[in-house]
């Protein structure tokens, strides 16, 4: 009996709008569901697959794995092995992937009016406020590490200085300033409905450290 030759698995055809348009080309790479939210997570620095899955509630393991493969193929992210004693692999953005920060900043600004109230089904992570808060706190020449404490958790921002990761989940090692506030106040601050000095004067925002770095 002749042996059947094993055929290599057929690669799925890459979906494309097939339009010679910069916006269409961009959407070919990041227009799939979940892709930009994976970018949001990786803007905070290298993440393990399990960490990404935990902070993207609602995504299936198959879809997340597929999106990460697509991002590697499109040059948006890379995967590397951590040195011993860790045996984990992490995903991180390439320079092209990090270039999506202004895109997510614009989307967050556009979507902010939809945060009028939190729906019962809405998940929340503290660091999801990082990108809109960066826009609210950044200013020309301002360089500072800002730790932000919310009821939901802690994250930190890196203002200025050209850091590869503009924010990170969890406390900062040595923050210049620490802000403590509730979620509603953070939402108003990030949306531009509340100025930082106004929130501090009203007692809605507690500031510790070098407050002058933030103009308060």
Foldseek 3Di string as FASTA:
>chain_A
DDDDDDDPDDDDDQDFPPDPDPVRVVCSQQVDPPLVVLLLQQLQDWDFLVVSPVVPPPDDSVRSVVSLVSCVVVQQKDKDADDPPDGTIIIHGDPVNLVCLVVVLVVCLVCLVVVPDDDPPDDDAVCVLVSLLLVLQEDPPQFWKEWEQEPRAIKIATHDPPDSRGIHGHGDPDGQKYKYAYPVVSSCSSNVVDHPVRCVVVVRIDMDHDCVSRPD
